[in-house]
Amino acid sequence: MASAGFSSSQPLIPIFNGEKYKWWSIKQAVHESIFSRIAAATTSNGTWSILQKEYQGDSKVIVVKLQSLRRDFETLMMKNGESIVDFLSRTRTIIDQLLSYSEQISDEIIVAKVLQSLMTKFDHVVAAIEECKDLSVLSVDKLKGSLPIS
């Protein structure tokens, strides 16, 4: 029986499953399959070091991952037949990954990228947004509200 609104099927603490290391490292707790990799560590610092090297990588790996993510962001274009919602979701995934590596990226850059990456059938919408809004202060959330989501 669940008590006080807690579901017995959901863990109360996040379990590390090998993904989203940066997010999990703040929260802690590991899945059984991950625990076997750190069980031999004798200190908490040793544990963190093992997990960080394996899932985030050393500085060289991080540089390569950042280069790849930056390229993904720079070459980001809306695909033929892709909805705006799906495109924005794909964009958000890349941005979140960049942010997880402490990359600084402003709303102004994201807004500009989204507007230039929409398919040409949205050129009239882009023109209206550029005409009516101050893009230097437009947030990504406000941009979403200005786009035809349906």
C-alpha atoms as a PDB file:
ATOM      1  CA  MET A   1       0.000   0.000   0.000  1.00  0.00           C
ATOM      2  CA  ALA A   2       1.320   3.445  -0.936  1.00  0.00           C
ATOM      3  CA  SER A   3       1.292   6.030   1.813  1.00  0.00           C
ATOM      4  CA  ALA A   4       1.233   9.813   1.906  1.00  0.00           C
ATOM      5  CA  GLY A   5       0.812  10.046  -1.859  1.00  0.00           C
ATOM      6  CA  PHE A   6       3.984   8.110  -2.704  1.00  0.00           C
ATOM      7  CA  SER A   7       3.797   5.518  -5.433  1.00  0.00           C
ATOM      8  CA  SER A   8       5.473   2.232  -4.658  1.00  0.00           C
ATOM      9  CA  SER A   9       6.383   1.832  -8.348  1.00  0.00           C
ATOM     10  CA  GLN A  10       8.508   4.999  -8.478  1.00  0.00           C
ATOM     11  CA  PRO A  11      11.808   5.327  -6.625  1.00  0.00           C
ATOM     12  CA  LEU A  12      12.015   8.322  -4.315  1.00  0.00           C
ATOM     13  CA  ILE A  13      15.579   9.010  -5.428  1.00  0.00           C
ATOM     14  CA  PRO A  14      16.818   9.040  -9.032  1.00  0.00           C
ATOM     15  CA  ILE A  15      18.648   5.881 -10.044  1.00  0.00           C
ATOM     16  CA  PHE A  16      21.688   6.301 -12.298  1.00  0.00           C
ATOM     17  CA  ASN A  17      21.194   4.185 -15.430  1.00  0.00           C
ATOM     18  CA  GLY A  18      24.220   5.345 -17.422  1.00  0.00           C
ATOM     19  CA  GLU A  19      22.581   8.385 -19.030  1.00  0.00           C
ATOM     20  CA  LYS A  20      22.508  12.105 -18.155  1.00  0.00           C
ATOM     21  CA  TYR A  21      25.516  11.866 -15.841  1.00  0.00           C
ATOM     22  CA  LYS A  22      25.719  15.616 -15.167  1.00  0.00           C
ATOM     23  CA  TRP A  23      22.093  15.780 -14.010  1.00  0.00           C
ATOM     24  CA  TRP A  24      22.301  12.628 -11.940  1.00  0.00           C
ATOM     25  CA  SER A  25      25.622  13.570 -10.295  1.00  0.00           C
ATOM     26  CA  ILE A  26      23.757  16.237  -8.389  1.00  0.00           C
ATOM     27  CA  LYS A  27      20.999  13.826  -7.294  1.00  0.00           C
ATOM     28  CA  GLN A  28      22.920  10.494  -6.633  1.00  0.00           C
ATOM     29  CA  ALA A  29      21.901   6.768  -6.224  1.00  0.00           C
ATOM     30  CA  VAL A  30      22.905   4.097  -8.735  1.00  0.00           C
ATOM     31  CA  HIS A  31      21.272   1.219 -10.563  1.00  0.00           C
ATOM     32  CA  GLU A  32      22.535  -2.310  -9.854  1.00  0.00           C
ATOM     33  CA  SER A  33      24.245  -2.538 -13.245  1.00  0.00           C
ATOM     34  CA  ILE A  34      26.230   0.618 -12.486  1.00  0.00           C
ATOM     35  CA  PHE A  35      26.996  -0.272  -8.874  1.00  0.00           C
ATOM     36  CA  SER A  36      29.218  -3.181  -9.889  1.00  0.00           C
ATOM     37  CA  ARG A  37      31.580  -0.688 -11.572  1.00  0.00           C
ATOM     38  CA  ILE A  38      32.064   1.371  -8.426  1.00  0.00           C
ATOM     39  CA  ALA A  39      31.837  -1.284  -5.710  1.00  0.00           C
ATOM     40  CA  ALA A  40      35.635  -1.591  -5.457  1.00  0.00           C
ATOM     41  CA  ALA A  41      36.165   2.139  -4.864  1.00  0.00           C
ATOM     42  CA  THR A  42      37.367   2.844  -1.325  1.00  0.00           C
ATOM     43  CA  THR A  43      36.422   6.535  -1.149  1.00  0.00           C
ATOM     44  CA  SER A  44      33.561   8.641  -2.369  1.00  0.00           C
ATOM     45  CA  ASN A  45      36.025  10.644  -4.477  1.00  0.00           C
ATOM     46  CA  GLY A  46      37.166   7.409  -6.076  1.00  0.00           C
ATOM     47  CA  THR A  47      33.566   6.548  -6.891  1.00  0.00           C
ATOM     48  CA  TRP A  48      32.928   9.964  -8.439  1.00  0.00           C
ATOM     49  CA  SER A  49      36.125   9.728 -10.448  1.00  0.00           C
ATOM     50  CA  ILE A  50      35.179   6.333 -11.904  1.00  0.00           C
ATOM     51  CA  LEU A  51      31.690   7.492 -12.870  1.00  0.00           C
ATOM     52  CA  GLN A  52      32.826  10.829 -14.241  1.00  0.00           C
ATOM     53  CA  LYS A  53      35.504   9.283 -16.468  1.00  0.00           C
ATOM     54  CA  GLU A  54      33.157   6.596 -17.760  1.00  0.00           C
ATOM     55  CA  TYR A  55      30.037   8.672 -18.384  1.00  0.00           C
ATOM     56  CA  GLN A  56      31.219  12.222 -18.844  1.00  0.00           C
ATOM     57  CA  GLY A  57      34.727  11.544 -20.060  1.00  0.00           C
ATOM     58  CA  ASP A  58      38.007  13.264 -19.403  1.00  0.00           C
ATOM     59  CA  SER A  59      38.721  16.788 -20.634  1.00  0.00           C
ATOM     60  CA  LYS A  60      39.680  15.588 -24.130  1.00  0.00           C
ATOM     61  CA  VAL A  61      36.446  13.628 -24.473  1.00  0.00           C
ATOM     62  CA  ILE A  62      34.443  16.609 -23.242  1.00  0.00           C
ATOM     63  CA  VAL A  63      36.093  18.877 -25.843  1.00  0.00           C
ATOM     64  CA  VAL A  64      35.192  16.414 -28.604  1.00  0.00           C
ATOM     65  CA  LYS A  65      31.602  16.066 -27.345  1.00  0.00           C
ATOM     66  CA  LEU A  66      31.250  19.854 -27.195  1.00  0.00           C
ATOM     67  CA  GLN A  67      32.600  20.217 -30.730  1.00  0.00           C
ATOM     68  CA  SER A  68      30.085  17.654 -31.947  1.00  0.00           C
ATOM     69  CA  LEU A  69      27.193  19.324 -30.120  1.00  0.00           C
ATOM     70  CA  ARG A  70      28.198  22.760 -31.418  1.00  0.00           C
ATOM     71  CA  ARG A  71      28.248  21.345 -34.962  1.00  0.00           C
ATOM     72  CA  ASP A  72      24.818  19.782 -34.389  1.00  0.00           C
ATOM     73  CA  PHE A  73      23.506  23.174 -33.256  1.00  0.00           C
ATOM     74  CA  GLU A  74      25.130  25.070 -36.130  1.00  0.00           C
ATOM     75  CA  THR A  75      23.789  22.674 -38.781  1.00  0.00           C
ATOM     76  CA  LEU A  76      20.356  22.327 -37.189  1.00  0.00           C
ATOM     77  CA  MET A  77      17.563  22.651 -39.750  1.00  0.00           C
ATOM     78  CA  MET A  78      13.898  21.759 -39.642  1.00  0.00           C
ATOM     79  CA  LYS A  79      13.286  18.544 -41.581  1.00  0.00           C
ATOM     80  CA  ASN A  80      10.725  18.164 -44.350  1.00  0.00           C
ATOM     81  CA  GLY A  81       7.464  17.012 -42.774  1.00  0.00           C
ATOM     82  CA  GLU A  82       8.677  17.734 -39.228  1.00  0.00           C
ATOM     83  CA  SER A  83       6.273  19.619 -36.979  1.00  0.00           C
ATOM     84  CA  ILE A  84       7.367  22.767 -35.197  1.00  0.00           C
ATOM     85  CA  VAL A  85       6.837  20.988 -31.872  1.00  0.00           C
ATOM     86  CA  ASP A  86       9.159  18.148 -32.906  1.00  0.00           C
ATOM     87  CA  PHE A  87      11.735  20.583 -34.279  1.00  0.00           C
ATOM     88  CA  LEU A  88      11.699  22.628 -31.062  1.00  0.00           C
ATOM     89  CA  SER A  89      12.018  19.428 -29.034  1.00  0.00           C
ATOM     90  CA  ARG A  90      15.029  18.349 -31.087  1.00  0.00           C
ATOM     91  CA  THR A  91      16.513  21.824 -30.666  1.00  0.00           C
ATOM     92  CA  ARG A  92      15.929  21.737 -26.890  1.00  0.00           C
ATOM     93  CA  THR A  93      17.689  18.353 -26.647  1.00  0.00           C
ATOM     94  CA  ILE A  94      20.830  19.731 -28.290  1.00  0.00           C
ATOM     95  CA  ILE A  95      20.744  22.875 -26.149  1.00  0.00           C
ATOM     96  CA  ASP A  96      20.270  20.863 -22.944  1.00  0.00           C
ATOM     97  CA  GLN A  97      23.265  18.711 -23.849  1.00  0.00           C
ATOM     98  CA  LEU A  98      25.373  21.819 -24.488  1.00  0.00           C
ATOM     99  CA  LEU A  99      24.285  23.287 -21.160  1.00  0.00           C
ATOM    100  CA  SER A 100      25.130  20.031 -19.365  1.00  0.00           C
ATOM    101  CA  TYR A 101      28.759  20.635 -20.389  1.00  0.00           C
ATOM    102  CA  SER A 102      28.587  24.209 -19.034  1.00  0.00           C
ATOM    103  CA  GLU A 103      28.386  25.716 -22.527  1.00  0.00           C
ATOM    104  CA  GLN A 104      27.013  29.246 -22.444  1.00  0.00           C
ATOM    105  CA  ILE A 105      24.295  29.891 -25.020  1.00  0.00           C
ATOM    106  CA  SER A 106      21.979  32.892 -24.887  1.00  0.00           C
ATOM    107  CA  ASP A 107      18.297  33.040 -25.749  1.00  0.00           C
ATOM    108  CA  GLU A 108      19.189  35.543 -28.467  1.00  0.00           C
ATOM    109  CA  ILE A 109      21.381  32.967 -30.221  1.00  0.00           C
ATOM    110  CA  ILE A 110      18.784  30.205 -29.807  1.00  0.00           C
ATOM    111  CA  VAL A 111      15.947  32.405 -31.095  1.00  0.00           C
ATOM    112  CA  ALA A 112      18.004  33.450 -34.130  1.00  0.00           C
ATOM    113  CA  LYS A 113      18.912  29.831 -34.865  1.00  0.00           C
ATOM    114  CA  VAL A 114      15.314  28.622 -34.604  1.00  0.00           C
ATOM    115  CA  LEU A 115      14.027  31.385 -36.871  1.00  0.00           C
ATOM    116  CA  GLN A 116      16.669  30.776 -39.545  1.00  0.00           C
ATOM    117  CA  SER A 117      16.181  27.003 -39.350  1.00  0.00           C
ATOM    118  CA  LEU A 118      12.443  26.852 -39.971  1.00  0.00           C
ATOM    119  CA  MET A 119      11.246  25.611 -43.340  1.00  0.00           C
ATOM    120  CA  THR A 120      10.562  28.241 -46.014  1.00  0.00           C
ATOM    121  CA  LYS A 121       6.811  27.723 -45.680  1.00  0.00           C
ATOM    122  CA  PHE A 122       7.140  29.601 -42.359  1.00  0.00           C
ATOM    123  CA  ASP A 123       8.940  32.595 -43.873  1.00  0.00           C
ATOM    124  CA  HIS A 124       5.847  34.788 -43.408  1.00  0.00           C
ATOM    125  CA  VAL A 125       5.714  33.867 -39.700  1.00  0.00           C
ATOM    126  CA  VAL A 126       9.445  34.561 -39.298  1.00  0.00           C
ATOM    127  CA  ALA A 127       9.036  37.936 -41.018  1.00  0.00           C
ATOM    128  CA  ALA A 128       6.143  38.871 -38.717  1.00  0.00           C
ATOM    129  CA  ILE A 129       8.097  37.881 -35.604  1.00  0.00           C
ATOM    130  CA  GLU A 130      11.173  39.802 -36.753  1.00  0.00           C
ATOM    131  CA  GLU A 131       9.025  42.851 -37.479  1.00  0.00           C
ATOM    132  CA  CYS A 132       6.965  42.827 -34.277  1.00  0.00           C
ATOM    133  CA  LYS A 133       9.399  41.537 -31.651  1.00  0.00           C
ATOM    134  CA  ASP A 134      12.731  42.725 -30.296  1.00  0.00           C
ATOM    135  CA  LEU A 135      14.816  39.607 -31.000  1.00  0.00           C
ATOM    136  CA  SER A 136      17.597  40.765 -28.691  1.00  0.00           C
ATOM    137  CA  VAL A 137      15.345  40.246 -25.658  1.00  0.00           C
ATOM    138  CA  LEU A 138      12.889  37.635 -26.952  1.00  0.00           C
ATOM    139  CA  SER A 139      12.959  34.490 -24.804  1.00  0.00           C
ATOM    140  CA  VAL A 140      12.723  31.017 -26.284  1.00  0.00           C
ATOM    141  CA  ASP A 141       9.416  30.490 -24.457  1.00  0.00           C
ATOM    142  CA  LYS A 142       7.960  33.694 -25.924  1.00  0.00           C
ATOM    143  CA  LEU A 143       9.155  32.591 -29.365  1.00  0.00           C
ATOM    144  CA  LYS A 144       7.360  29.254 -28.929  1.00  0.00           C
ATOM    145  CA  GLY A 145       4.187  31.190 -28.165  1.00  0.00           C
ATOM    146  CA  SER A 146       4.570  33.123 -31.411  1.00  0.00           C
ATOM    147  CA  LEU A 147       4.975  30.072 -33.633  1.00  0.00           C
ATOM    148  CA  PRO A 148       2.088  28.141 -35.203  1.00  0.00           C
ATOM    149  CA  ILE A 149       2.367  24.956 -33.143  1.00  0.00           C
ATOM    150  CA  SER A 150      -0.578  23.058 -34.618  1.00  0.00           C
END
